[in-house]
């Protein structure tokens, strides 16, 4: 097996382990990540709108 495949499988296994053993904390982490992406997207939208005002 190549290293990339092993690392990918290990990461997936870790994510599954965390989802199963700590579902509340995992949900909070996903919410925080999505919130960050949302704020970033809103900032980009604000920037583009300001270019055309």
PDB file of N, CA and C in Angstrom:
ATOM      1  N   UNK A   1       0.844  -1.188   0.000  1.00  0.00           N
ATOM      2  CA  UNK A   1       0.000   0.000   0.000  1.00  0.00           C
ATOM      3  C   UNK A   1       0.883   1.243   0.000  1.00  0.00           C
ATOM      4  N   UNK A   2       0.423   2.241  -0.688  1.00  0.00           N
ATOM      5  CA  UNK A   2       1.209   3.465  -0.642  1.00  0.00           C
ATOM      6  C   UNK A   2       0.818   4.304   0.575  1.00  0.00           C
ATOM      7  N   UNK A   3       1.655   5.235   0.893  1.00  0.00           N
ATOM      8  CA  UNK A   3       1.505   6.026   2.121  1.00  0.00           C
ATOM      9  C   UNK A   3       0.224   6.855   2.088  1.00  0.00           C
ATOM     10  N   UNK A   4      -0.105   7.417   0.949  1.00  0.00           N
ATOM     11  CA  UNK A   4      -1.296   8.261   0.841  1.00  0.00           C
ATOM     12  C   UNK A   4      -2.559   7.466   1.183  1.00  0.00           C
ATOM     13  N   UNK A   5      -2.638   6.245   0.705  1.00  0.00           N
ATOM     14  CA  UNK A   5      -3.799   5.410   0.972  1.00  0.00           C
ATOM     15  C   UNK A   5      -3.888   5.053   2.460  1.00  0.00           C
ATOM     16  N   UNK A   6      -2.765   4.753   3.070  1.00  0.00           N
ATOM     17  CA  UNK A   6      -2.737   4.415   4.499  1.00  0.00           C
ATOM     18  C   UNK A   6      -3.156   5.616   5.338  1.00  0.00           C
ATOM     19  N   UNK A   7      -2.646   6.784   5.013  1.00  0.00           N
ATOM     20  CA  UNK A   7      -2.995   7.992   5.766  1.00  0.00           C
ATOM     21  C   UNK A   7      -4.484   8.301   5.605  1.00  0.00           C
ATOM     22  N   UNK A   8      -5.009   8.152   4.409  1.00  0.00           N
ATOM     23  CA  UNK A   8      -6.433   8.400   4.168  1.00  0.00           C
ATOM     24  C   UNK A   8      -7.293   7.435   4.971  1.00  0.00           C
ATOM     25  N   UNK A   9      -6.942   6.166   4.956  1.00  0.00           N
ATOM     26  CA  UNK A   9      -7.701   5.176   5.723  1.00  0.00           C
ATOM     27  C   UNK A   9      -7.620   5.451   7.220  1.00  0.00           C
ATOM     28  N   UNK A  10      -6.463   5.853   7.696  1.00  0.00           N
ATOM     29  CA  UNK A  10      -6.299   6.174   9.116  1.00  0.00           C
ATOM     30  C   UNK A  10      -7.155   7.389   9.488  1.00  0.00           C
ATOM     31  N   UNK A  11      -7.191   8.396   8.635  1.00  0.00           N
ATOM     32  CA  UNK A  11      -7.998   9.588   8.909  1.00  0.00           C
ATOM     33  C   UNK A  11      -9.488   9.243   8.943  1.00  0.00           C
ATOM     34  N   UNK A  12      -9.931   8.425   8.010  1.00  0.00           N
ATOM     35  CA  UNK A  12     -11.337   8.012   7.986  1.00  0.00           C
ATOM     36  C   UNK A  12     -11.666   7.200   9.238  1.00  0.00           C
ATOM     37  N   UNK A  13     -10.770   6.300   9.612  1.00  0.00           N
ATOM     38  CA  UNK A  13     -10.993   5.496  10.816  1.00  0.00           C
ATOM     39  C   UNK A  13     -11.072   6.387  12.058  1.00  0.00           C
ATOM     40  N   UNK A  14     -10.208   7.381  12.149  1.00  0.00           N
ATOM     41  CA  UNK A  14     -10.236   8.298  13.285  1.00  0.00           C
ATOM     42  C   UNK A  14     -11.540   9.088  13.321  1.00  0.00           C
ATOM     43  N   UNK A  15     -11.975   9.583  12.171  1.00  0.00           N
ATOM     44  CA  UNK A  15     -13.239  10.328  12.118  1.00  0.00           C
ATOM     45  C   UNK A  15     -14.412   9.461  12.539  1.00  0.00           C
ATOM     46  N   UNK A  16     -14.450   8.236  12.043  1.00  0.00           N
ATOM     47  CA  UNK A  16     -15.535   7.330  12.434  1.00  0.00           C
ATOM     48  C   UNK A  16     -15.493   7.037  13.935  1.00  0.00           C
ATOM     49  N   UNK A  17     -14.305   6.822  14.469  1.00  0.00           N
ATOM     50  CA  UNK A  17     -14.158   6.575  15.903  1.00  0.00           C
ATOM     51  C   UNK A  17     -14.689   7.754  16.713  1.00  0.00           C
ATOM     52  N   UNK A  18     -14.315   8.967  16.307  1.00  0.00           N
ATOM     53  CA  UNK A  18     -14.769  10.152  17.033  1.00  0.00           C
ATOM     54  C   UNK A  18     -16.276  10.350  16.907  1.00  0.00           C
ATOM     55  N   UNK A  19     -16.825  10.086  15.725  1.00  0.00           N
ATOM     56  CA  UNK A  19     -18.272  10.229  15.537  1.00  0.00           C
ATOM     57  C   UNK A  19     -19.043   9.246  16.408  1.00  0.00           C
ATOM     58  N   UNK A  20     -18.506   8.050  16.552  1.00  0.00           N
ATOM     59  CA  UNK A  20     -19.205   7.023  17.328  1.00  0.00           C
ATOM     60  C   UNK A  20     -19.037   7.253  18.827  1.00  0.00           C
ATOM     61  N   UNK A  21     -17.843   7.608  19.260  1.00  0.00           N
ATOM     62  CA  UNK A  21     -17.580   7.719  20.694  1.00  0.00           C
ATOM     63  C   UNK A  21     -17.933   9.079  21.282  1.00  0.00           C
ATOM     64  N   UNK A  22     -17.900  10.139  20.458  1.00  0.00           N
ATOM     65  CA  UNK A  22     -18.179  11.489  20.953  1.00  0.00           C
ATOM     66  C   UNK A  22     -19.062  12.247  19.964  1.00  0.00           C
ATOM     67  N   UNK A  23     -20.311  11.813  19.816  1.00  0.00           N
ATOM     68  CA  UNK A  23     -21.167  12.437  18.791  1.00  0.00           C
ATOM     69  C   UNK A  23     -21.479  13.910  19.066  1.00  0.00           C
ATOM     70  N   UNK A  24     -21.665  14.283  20.330  1.00  0.00           N
ATOM     71  CA  UNK A  24     -21.996  15.686  20.632  1.00  0.00           C
ATOM     72  C   UNK A  24     -20.834  16.623  20.307  1.00  0.00           C
ATOM     73  N   UNK A  25     -19.634  16.225  20.704  1.00  0.00           N
ATOM     74  CA  UNK A  25     -18.460  17.049  20.422  1.00  0.00           C
ATOM     75  C   UNK A  25     -18.185  17.100  18.913  1.00  0.00           C
ATOM     76  N   UNK A  26     -18.437  15.988  18.227  1.00  0.00           N
ATOM     77  CA  UNK A  26     -18.237  15.953  16.777  1.00  0.00           C
ATOM     78  C   UNK A  26     -19.215  16.897  16.081  1.00  0.00           C
ATOM     79  N   UNK A  27     -20.452  16.895  16.538  1.00  0.00           N
ATOM     80  CA  UNK A  27     -21.449  17.794  15.960  1.00  0.00           C
ATOM     81  C   UNK A  27     -21.077  19.250  16.200  1.00  0.00           C
ATOM     82  N   UNK A  28     -20.587  19.546  17.394  1.00  0.00           N
ATOM     83  CA  UNK A  28     -20.155  20.913  17.687  1.00  0.00           C
ATOM     84  C   UNK A  28     -19.003  21.336  16.790  1.00  0.00           C
ATOM     85  N   UNK A  29     -18.072  20.423  16.538  1.00  0.00           N
ATOM     86  CA  UNK A  29     -16.929  20.734  15.676  1.00  0.00           C
ATOM     87  C   UNK A  29     -17.378  20.999  14.249  1.00  0.00           C
ATOM     88  N   UNK A  30     -18.319  20.199  13.762  1.00  0.00           N
ATOM     89  CA  UNK A  30     -18.831  20.403  12.396  1.00  0.00           C
ATOM     90  C   UNK A  30     -19.582  21.727  12.310  1.00  0.00           C
ATOM     91  N   UNK A  31     -20.390  22.028  13.332  1.00  0.00           N
ATOM     92  CA  UNK A  31     -21.110  23.311  13.345  1.00  0.00           C
ATOM     93  C   UNK A  31     -20.146  24.486  13.330  1.00  0.00           C
ATOM     94  N   UNK A  32     -19.076  24.385  14.104  1.00  0.00           N
ATOM     95  CA  UNK A  32     -18.094  25.464  14.150  1.00  0.00           C
ATOM     96  C   UNK A  32     -17.399  25.620  12.796  1.00  0.00           C
ATOM     97  N   UNK A  33     -17.055  24.509  12.160  1.00  0.00           N
ATOM     98  CA  UNK A  33     -16.399  24.576  10.852  1.00  0.00           C
ATOM     99  C   UNK A  33     -17.330  25.179   9.810  1.00  0.00           C
ATOM    100  N   UNK A  34     -18.580  24.760   9.812  1.00  0.00           N
ATOM    101  CA  UNK A  34     -19.539  25.310   8.855  1.00  0.00           C
ATOM    102  C   UNK A  34     -19.809  26.784   9.130  1.00  0.00           C
ATOM    103  N   UNK A  35     -19.824  27.159  10.397  1.00  0.00           N
ATOM    104  CA  UNK A  35     -19.998  28.574  10.747  1.00  0.00           C
ATOM    105  C   UNK A  35     -18.850  29.415  10.221  1.00  0.00           C
ATOM    106  N   UNK A  36     -17.644  28.892  10.320  1.00  0.00           N
ATOM    107  CA  UNK A  36     -16.481  29.600   9.782  1.00  0.00           C
ATOM    108  C   UNK A  36     -16.557  29.753   8.274  1.00  0.00           C
ATOM    109  N   UNK A  37     -16.973  28.676   7.605  1.00  0.00           N
ATOM    110  CA  UNK A  37     -17.132  28.759   6.145  1.00  0.00           C
ATOM    111  C   UNK A  37     -18.210  29.764   5.765  1.00  0.00           C
ATOM    112  N   UNK A  38     -19.294  29.789   6.545  1.00  0.00           N
ATOM    113  CA  UNK A  38     -20.379  30.730   6.269  1.00  0.00           C
ATOM    114  C   UNK A  38     -19.897  32.173   6.418  1.00  0.00           C
ATOM    115  N   UNK A  39     -19.174  32.430   7.517  1.00  0.00           N
ATOM    116  CA  UNK A  39     -18.666  33.798   7.733  1.00  0.00           C
ATOM    117  C   UNK A  39     -17.705  34.203   6.618  1.00  0.00           C
ATOM    118  N   UNK A  40     -16.890  33.271   6.176  1.00  0.00           N
ATOM    119  CA  UNK A  40     -15.968  33.560   5.082  1.00  0.00           C
ATOM    120  C   UNK A  40     -16.712  33.882   3.794  1.00  0.00           C
ATOM    121  N   UNK A  41     -17.744  33.090   3.499  1.00  0.00           N
ATOM    122  CA  UNK A  41     -18.540  33.330   2.289  1.00  0.00           C
ATOM    123  C   UNK A  41     -19.261  34.672   2.375  1.00  0.00           C
ATOM    124  N   UNK A  42     -19.792  34.986   3.545  1.00  0.00           N
ATOM    125  CA  UNK A  42     -20.470  36.276   3.708  1.00  0.00           C
ATOM    126  C   UNK A  42     -19.499  37.436   3.534  1.00  0.00           C
ATOM    127  N   UNK A  43     -18.280  37.279   3.995  1.00  0.00           N
ATOM    128  CA  UNK A  43     -17.271  38.329   3.834  1.00  0.00           C
ATOM    129  C   UNK A  43     -16.928  38.538   2.368  1.00  0.00           C
ATOM    130  N   UNK A  44     -16.811  37.442   1.634  1.00  0.00           N
ATOM    131  CA  UNK A  44     -16.516  37.546   0.197  1.00  0.00           C
ATOM    132  C   UNK A  44     -17.672  38.213  -0.526  1.00  0.00           C
ATOM    133  N   UNK A  45     -18.909  37.850  -0.172  1.00  0.00           N
ATOM    134  CA  UNK A  45     -20.083  38.468  -0.800  1.00  0.00           C
ATOM    135  C   UNK A  45     -20.110  39.957  -0.509  1.00  0.00           C
ATOM    136  N   UNK A  46     -19.843  40.329   0.728  1.00  0.00           N
ATOM    137  CA  UNK A  46     -19.810  41.754   1.105  1.00  0.00           C
ATOM    138  C   UNK A  46     -18.756  42.490   0.298  1.00  0.00           C
ATOM    139  N   UNK A  47     -17.585  41.897   0.152  1.00  0.00           N
ATOM    140  CA  UNK A  47     -16.511  42.511  -0.614  1.00  0.00           C
ATOM    141  C   UNK A  47     -16.918  42.722  -2.075  1.00  0.00           C
ATOM    142  N   UNK A  48     -17.484  41.690  -2.693  1.00  0.00           N
ATOM    143  CA  UNK A  48     -17.866  41.805  -4.102  1.00  0.00           C
ATOM    144  C   UNK A  48     -18.980  42.833  -4.271  1.00  0.00           C
ATOM    145  N   UNK A  49     -19.939  42.855  -3.357  1.00  0.00           N
ATOM    146  CA  UNK A  49     -21.011  43.852  -3.437  1.00  0.00           C
ATOM    147  C   UNK A  49     -20.451  45.259  -3.300  1.00  0.00           C
ATOM    148  N   UNK A  50     -19.453  45.445  -2.448  1.00  0.00           N
ATOM    149  CA  UNK A  50     -18.878  46.778  -2.271  1.00  0.00           C
ATOM    150  C   UNK A  50     -18.145  47.246  -3.505  1.00  0.00           C
ATOM    151  N   UNK A  51     -17.680  46.324  -4.325  1.00  0.00           N
ATOM    152  CA  UNK A  51     -17.022  46.714  -5.565  1.00  0.00           C
ATOM    153  C   UNK A  51     -17.985  47.353  -6.555  1.00  0.00           C
ATOM    154  N   UNK A  52     -19.261  46.938  -6.492  1.00  0.00           N
ATOM    155  CA  UNK A  52     -20.236  47.410  -7.460  1.00  0.00           C
ATOM    156  C   UNK A  52     -21.193  48.467  -6.927  1.00  0.00           C
ATOM    157  N   UNK A  53     -20.952  48.946  -5.723  1.00  0.00           N
ATOM    158  CA  UNK A  53     -21.805  50.003  -5.155  1.00  0.00           C
ATOM    159  C   UNK A  53     -21.311  51.369  -5.553  1.00  0.00           C
TER     160      UNK A  53
END
